[in-house]
Amino acid sequence: MVEHVQSLARGLAVIRAFSATAPRLTLSEVARATGLTRAAARRFLLTLADLGYVRNDGRLFSLTPRVLELGYAYLSSLSLPEVAAPHLERLAAEVHESASVAVLDGEDVVYVARVATARIMRVSISIGTRFPAYCTSMGRVLLAGLPPADLDAYLDQADLRRLTSRTITVPSALRDELDGIRERGWAMVDQEMEEGLRSIAAPIRDRSGAVVAAVNVSTHASRTTLQQARRTLLPPLLATAAKIEGDLSSLASPATRDTS
């Protein structure tokens, strides 16, 4: 029998209601995002405020840096961010574009390492930032690496919202795209999450060959065509993925260290 602590689940849902695109929310917005009543949402927010995880400036609520403590134990147990960091720095310096590493968490990608050269998105990206997997290059690489049953489950339940005029929102079309990514070994996403944003990603695999993370380079469409991205960004990106994989294999044994 699974013992489900509903109050804990609801408290975590309140924390997850905040995001890079919604860093400050009203009580009504938190209630709507979590499915809680206003009274219940208020109780959870005030409790989180008492614990130091939420601040309130009167009408709006926002998270405090203390929430990072909740993910620190997970991130600090990984060798992946530390191993990836110097390789991302060299990649970003070589291509003069921002480079990142992310892992899959449910239907989202979560950034675990990043070197930014310029801000090209409306929202700022930092460690812990989450984006929908279906419309991001790293997300598609990670989805393409899922076991068939897990991918079927994802496609059955994913909310494929249209974020730009280019976003793939039909499950069968997304599956076809993922099949192509799996075959060629990399993903290119052209302005599907945000107008003007192009990104290219490659998988990072563990010793068993399973895809445990993804590395990408992002650029603005005004300065890099699709052909230029394939010609100038893809080769160093693939080389970087291979170097990260090599370091992970030499530093960690699958039996003792989880790099995902």
Protein backbone atom coordinates (compact mmCIF):
# COMPACT_ATOMS: atom_id res chain seq x y z
CA MET A 1 0.00 0.00 0.00
CA VAL A 2 1.37 3.41 -1.00
CA GLU A 3 1.12 6.01 1.75
CA HIS A 4 0.49 9.35 0.05
CA VAL A 5 0.90 12.47 2.17
CA GLN A 6 -1.52 14.84 0.45
CA SER A 7 -0.41 17.97 2.30
CA LEU A 8 3.20 17.43 1.24
CA ALA A 9 2.10 16.90 -2.36
CA ARG A 10 0.06 20.10 -2.28
CA GLY A 11 2.89 22.09 -0.74
CA LEU A 12 5.27 20.95 -3.48
CA ALA A 13 2.63 21.78 -6.09
CA VAL A 14 2.54 25.35 -4.77
CA ILE A 15 6.33 25.62 -5.16
CA ARG A 16 6.14 24.21 -8.70
CA ALA A 17 3.49 26.77 -9.65
CA PHE A 18 6.29 29.33 -9.91
CA SER A 19 8.54 29.25 -12.96
CA ALA A 20 10.89 31.31 -15.08
CA THR A 21 7.89 32.67 -16.98
CA ALA A 22 5.80 33.17 -13.83
CA PRO A 23 8.21 34.17 -11.04
CA ARG A 24 5.60 36.24 -9.18
CA LEU A 25 2.02 35.10 -8.68
CA THR A 26 -1.08 36.32 -6.92
CA LEU A 27 -2.98 34.09 -4.51
CA SER A 28 -5.66 33.50 -7.14
CA GLU A 29 -3.04 32.50 -9.73
CA VAL A 30 -1.44 30.01 -7.34
CA ALA A 31 -4.84 28.54 -6.53
CA ARG A 32 -5.69 28.21 -10.21
CA ALA A 33 -2.31 26.66 -11.12
CA THR A 34 -2.51 24.07 -8.34
CA GLY A 35 -6.22 23.32 -8.30
CA LEU A 36 -6.44 24.38 -4.66
CA THR A 37 -9.04 26.64 -3.11
CA ARG A 38 -7.89 30.17 -2.33
CA ALA A 39 -8.03 29.40 1.40
CA ALA A 40 -5.87 26.29 1.02
CA ALA A 41 -3.41 28.03 -1.30
CA ARG A 42 -3.12 30.86 1.22
CA ARG A 43 -2.33 28.43 4.06
CA PHE A 44 0.41 26.74 2.06
CA LEU A 45 1.90 30.04 0.91
CA LEU A 46 1.98 31.45 4.45
CA THR A 47 3.54 28.23 5.76
CA LEU A 48 6.21 28.36 3.05
CA ALA A 49 6.77 32.03 3.89
CA ASP A 50 7.25 31.15 7.57
CA LEU A 51 9.83 28.54 6.52
CA GLY A 52 11.65 31.06 4.35
CA TYR A 53 10.85 29.53 0.93
CA VAL A 54 8.36 32.19 -0.21
CA ARG A 55 8.21 35.98 0.11
CA ASN A 56 5.15 38.21 -0.09
CA ASP A 57 5.27 41.88 -1.02
CA GLY A 58 1.57 42.40 -0.36
CA ARG A 59 -0.32 41.15 -3.40
CA LEU A 60 2.32 39.05 -5.12
CA PHE A 61 4.16 35.96 -3.92
CA SER A 62 7.55 34.75 -5.15
CA LEU A 63 10.10 32.09 -4.25
CA THR A 64 13.24 32.90 -2.28
CA PRO A 65 16.75 31.54 -2.96
CA ARG A 66 16.20 29.11 -0.09
CA VAL A 67 14.26 26.80 -2.41
CA LEU A 68 17.62 25.89 -3.95
CA GLU A 69 18.28 23.89 -0.80
CA LEU A 70 15.57 21.46 -1.90
CA GLY A 71 17.50 20.53 -5.02
CA TYR A 72 21.01 20.87 -3.64
CA ALA A 73 21.24 17.32 -2.35
CA TYR A 74 20.29 16.01 -5.79
CA LEU A 75 22.62 18.28 -7.73
CA SER A 76 25.54 17.85 -5.36
CA SER A 77 25.32 14.06 -5.67
CA LEU A 78 25.83 14.28 -9.44
CA SER A 79 29.15 14.26 -11.18
CA LEU A 80 27.49 15.44 -14.40
CA PRO A 81 27.38 19.25 -13.77
CA GLU A 82 30.97 19.33 -12.54
CA VAL A 83 32.23 17.19 -15.39
CA ALA A 84 30.27 19.14 -18.01
CA ALA A 85 31.24 22.65 -16.86
CA PRO A 86 34.76 22.92 -18.39
CA HIS A 87 33.59 21.33 -21.63
CA LEU A 88 30.70 23.81 -21.88
CA GLU A 89 33.10 26.68 -21.27
CA ARG A 90 35.35 25.53 -24.12
CA LEU A 91 32.37 24.92 -26.42
CA ALA A 92 30.88 28.35 -25.73
CA ALA A 93 34.26 30.00 -26.30
CA GLU A 94 34.70 28.15 -29.59
CA VAL A 95 31.30 28.84 -31.12
CA HIS A 96 30.58 32.14 -29.31
CA GLU A 97 27.12 30.94 -28.33
CA SER A 98 25.51 29.80 -25.07
CA ALA A 99 25.85 26.11 -24.18
CA SER A 100 23.88 24.04 -21.68
CA VAL A 101 23.35 20.56 -20.26
CA ALA A 102 19.93 19.34 -19.12
CA VAL A 103 18.22 16.19 -17.86
CA LEU A 104 14.64 14.98 -18.30
CA ASP A 105 12.24 15.30 -15.36
CA GLY A 106 8.72 14.21 -16.20
CA GLU A 107 7.58 16.28 -19.18
CA ASP A 108 10.25 18.96 -18.69
CA VAL A 109 13.95 19.44 -19.22
CA VAL A 110 15.85 20.81 -16.22
CA TYR A 111 19.08 22.75 -16.72
CA VAL A 112 21.94 21.37 -14.59
CA ALA A 113 24.88 23.21 -16.20
CA ARG A 114 25.14 26.29 -18.41
CA VAL A 115 27.60 28.80 -19.86
CA ALA A 116 25.85 31.87 -21.28
CA THR A 117 27.49 34.25 -23.73
CA ALA A 118 24.46 36.44 -24.46
CA ARG A 119 20.80 36.57 -23.52
CA ILE A 120 18.71 35.62 -26.55
CA MET A 121 15.46 34.61 -24.83
CA ARG A 122 12.79 36.66 -23.09
CA VAL A 123 13.38 34.69 -19.88
CA SER A 124 16.67 34.27 -18.09
CA ILE A 125 18.00 30.70 -17.92
CA SER A 126 19.84 29.45 -14.84
CA ILE A 127 20.54 26.15 -13.09
CA GLY A 128 17.18 24.57 -12.30
CA THR A 129 15.26 26.32 -15.10
CA ARG A 130 12.61 24.08 -16.63
CA PHE A 131 11.16 24.08 -20.15
CA PRO A 132 8.72 21.73 -21.91
CA ALA A 133 10.62 18.83 -23.45
CA TYR A 134 8.56 18.54 -26.64
CA CYS A 135 9.59 21.91 -28.12
CA THR A 136 13.25 22.09 -27.06
CA SER A 137 16.28 20.54 -28.70
CA MET A 138 17.57 18.95 -25.49
CA GLY A 139 14.08 17.75 -24.64
CA ARG A 140 13.69 16.02 -27.98
CA VAL A 141 17.08 14.33 -27.68
CA LEU A 142 16.05 13.05 -24.25
CA LEU A 143 12.60 11.95 -25.43
CA ALA A 144 14.15 10.16 -28.41
CA GLY A 145 16.30 8.22 -25.95
CA LEU A 146 13.38 6.95 -23.88
CA PRO A 147 12.41 3.27 -23.91
CA PRO A 148 9.45 2.73 -26.30
CA ALA A 149 6.92 2.20 -23.51
CA ASP A 150 7.98 5.37 -21.73
CA LEU A 151 7.79 7.36 -24.95
CA ASP A 152 4.31 6.00 -25.67
CA ALA A 153 3.18 7.06 -22.21
CA TYR A 154 4.65 10.53 -22.71
CA LEU A 155 2.96 11.04 -26.08
CA ASP A 156 -0.37 9.83 -24.66
CA GLN A 157 -0.43 12.42 -21.89
CA ALA A 158 1.77 15.33 -23.01
CA ASP A 159 0.16 18.75 -23.39
CA LEU A 160 1.59 19.84 -26.75
CA ARG A 161 0.73 23.52 -26.68
CA ARG A 162 1.44 25.80 -29.63
CA LEU A 163 4.03 28.31 -28.39
CA THR A 164 4.88 29.74 -31.84
CA SER A 165 3.54 29.20 -35.35
CA ARG A 166 6.26 26.55 -35.85
CA THR A 167 5.61 24.41 -32.76
CA ILE A 168 4.86 20.73 -33.43
CA THR A 169 1.63 19.96 -31.57
CA VAL A 170 0.48 16.70 -33.20
CA PRO A 171 1.72 13.59 -31.34
CA SER A 172 2.26 11.58 -34.53
CA ALA A 173 4.32 14.37 -36.06
CA LEU A 174 6.39 14.65 -32.89
CA ARG A 175 6.96 10.89 -32.92
CA ASP A 176 8.21 11.10 -36.52
CA GLU A 177 10.59 13.90 -35.52
CA LEU A 178 11.89 11.87 -32.58
CA ASP A 179 12.44 8.86 -34.85
CA GLY A 180 14.62 11.03 -37.08
CA ILE A 181 16.56 12.39 -34.10
CA ARG A 182 17.19 8.89 -32.81
CA GLU A 183 18.52 7.84 -36.22
CA ARG A 184 20.83 10.81 -36.85
CA GLY A 185 21.93 11.34 -33.25
CA TRP A 186 21.10 15.02 -32.78
CA ALA A 187 18.18 17.46 -32.76
CA MET A 188 17.61 20.87 -34.28
CA VAL A 189 14.70 23.02 -33.11
CA ASP A 190 13.93 26.12 -35.14
CA GLN A 191 11.85 28.77 -33.33
CA GLU A 192 9.34 26.33 -31.86
CA MET A 193 9.60 27.48 -28.25
CA GLU A 194 10.29 31.14 -28.91
CA GLU A 195 10.44 33.21 -32.08
CA GLY A 196 14.04 33.86 -33.12
CA LEU A 197 15.52 31.04 -31.04
CA ARG A 198 17.34 28.19 -32.73
CA SER A 199 19.07 25.40 -30.85
CA ILE A 200 20.87 22.19 -31.62
CA ALA A 201 21.41 19.35 -29.14
CA ALA A 202 23.16 16.02 -28.81
CA PRO A 203 22.69 13.17 -26.33
CA ILE A 204 25.01 12.31 -23.45
CA ARG A 205 25.05 8.56 -22.80
CA ASP A 206 26.21 6.44 -19.88
CA ARG A 207 28.36 3.31 -20.17
CA SER A 208 25.33 1.20 -21.03
CA GLY A 209 24.42 3.46 -23.94
CA ALA A 210 21.36 4.95 -22.25
CA VAL A 211 20.71 8.65 -22.83
CA VAL A 212 21.08 10.31 -19.41
CA ALA A 213 21.41 13.97 -20.40
CA ALA A 214 21.67 16.32 -23.36
CA VAL A 215 24.00 19.17 -24.33
CA ASN A 216 23.01 22.01 -26.61
CA VAL A 217 24.05 25.25 -28.24
CA SER A 218 21.47 28.00 -28.74
CA THR A 219 21.64 30.90 -31.13
CA HIS A 220 19.46 33.62 -32.62
CA ALA A 221 17.93 33.08 -36.03
CA SER A 222 19.02 36.54 -37.17
CA ARG A 223 22.71 35.62 -36.99
CA THR A 224 22.79 31.87 -37.72
CA THR A 225 20.96 30.07 -40.52
CA LEU A 226 20.00 26.42 -40.24
CA GLN A 227 22.76 25.52 -42.69
CA GLN A 228 25.33 27.49 -40.71
CA ALA A 229 24.22 25.82 -37.50
CA ARG A 230 24.71 22.37 -38.99
CA ARG A 231 28.07 23.34 -40.48
CA THR A 232 29.63 25.34 -37.64
CA LEU A 233 27.80 24.37 -34.45
CA LEU A 234 27.07 20.65 -34.86
CA PRO A 235 30.65 19.29 -35.15
CA PRO A 236 31.96 20.95 -31.96
CA LEU A 237 28.71 20.08 -30.18
CA LEU A 238 29.05 16.37 -31.01
CA ALA A 239 32.71 16.48 -29.99
CA THR A 240 31.75 18.05 -26.66
CA ALA A 241 29.11 15.38 -26.01
CA ALA A 242 31.70 12.68 -26.67
CA LYS A 243 34.20 14.31 -24.28
CA ILE A 244 31.60 14.58 -21.50
CA GLU A 245 30.68 10.93 -22.01
CA GLY A 246 34.34 9.96 -21.85
CA ASP A 247 34.89 11.83 -18.60
CA LEU A 248 31.75 10.37 -17.04
CA SER A 249 32.83 6.86 -17.98
CA SER A 250 36.29 7.33 -16.51
CA LEU A 251 35.06 8.91 -13.27
CA ALA A 252 31.99 6.86 -12.41
CA SER A 253 31.02 3.23 -12.36
CA PRO A 254 27.36 2.56 -13.24
CA ALA A 255 27.12 0.38 -10.15
CA THR A 256 28.10 3.19 -7.79
CA ARG A 257 27.22 6.51 -9.43
CA ASP A 258 24.01 7.69 -11.09
CA THR A 259 24.80 10.41 -13.66
CA SER A 260 21.24 11.06 -14.70
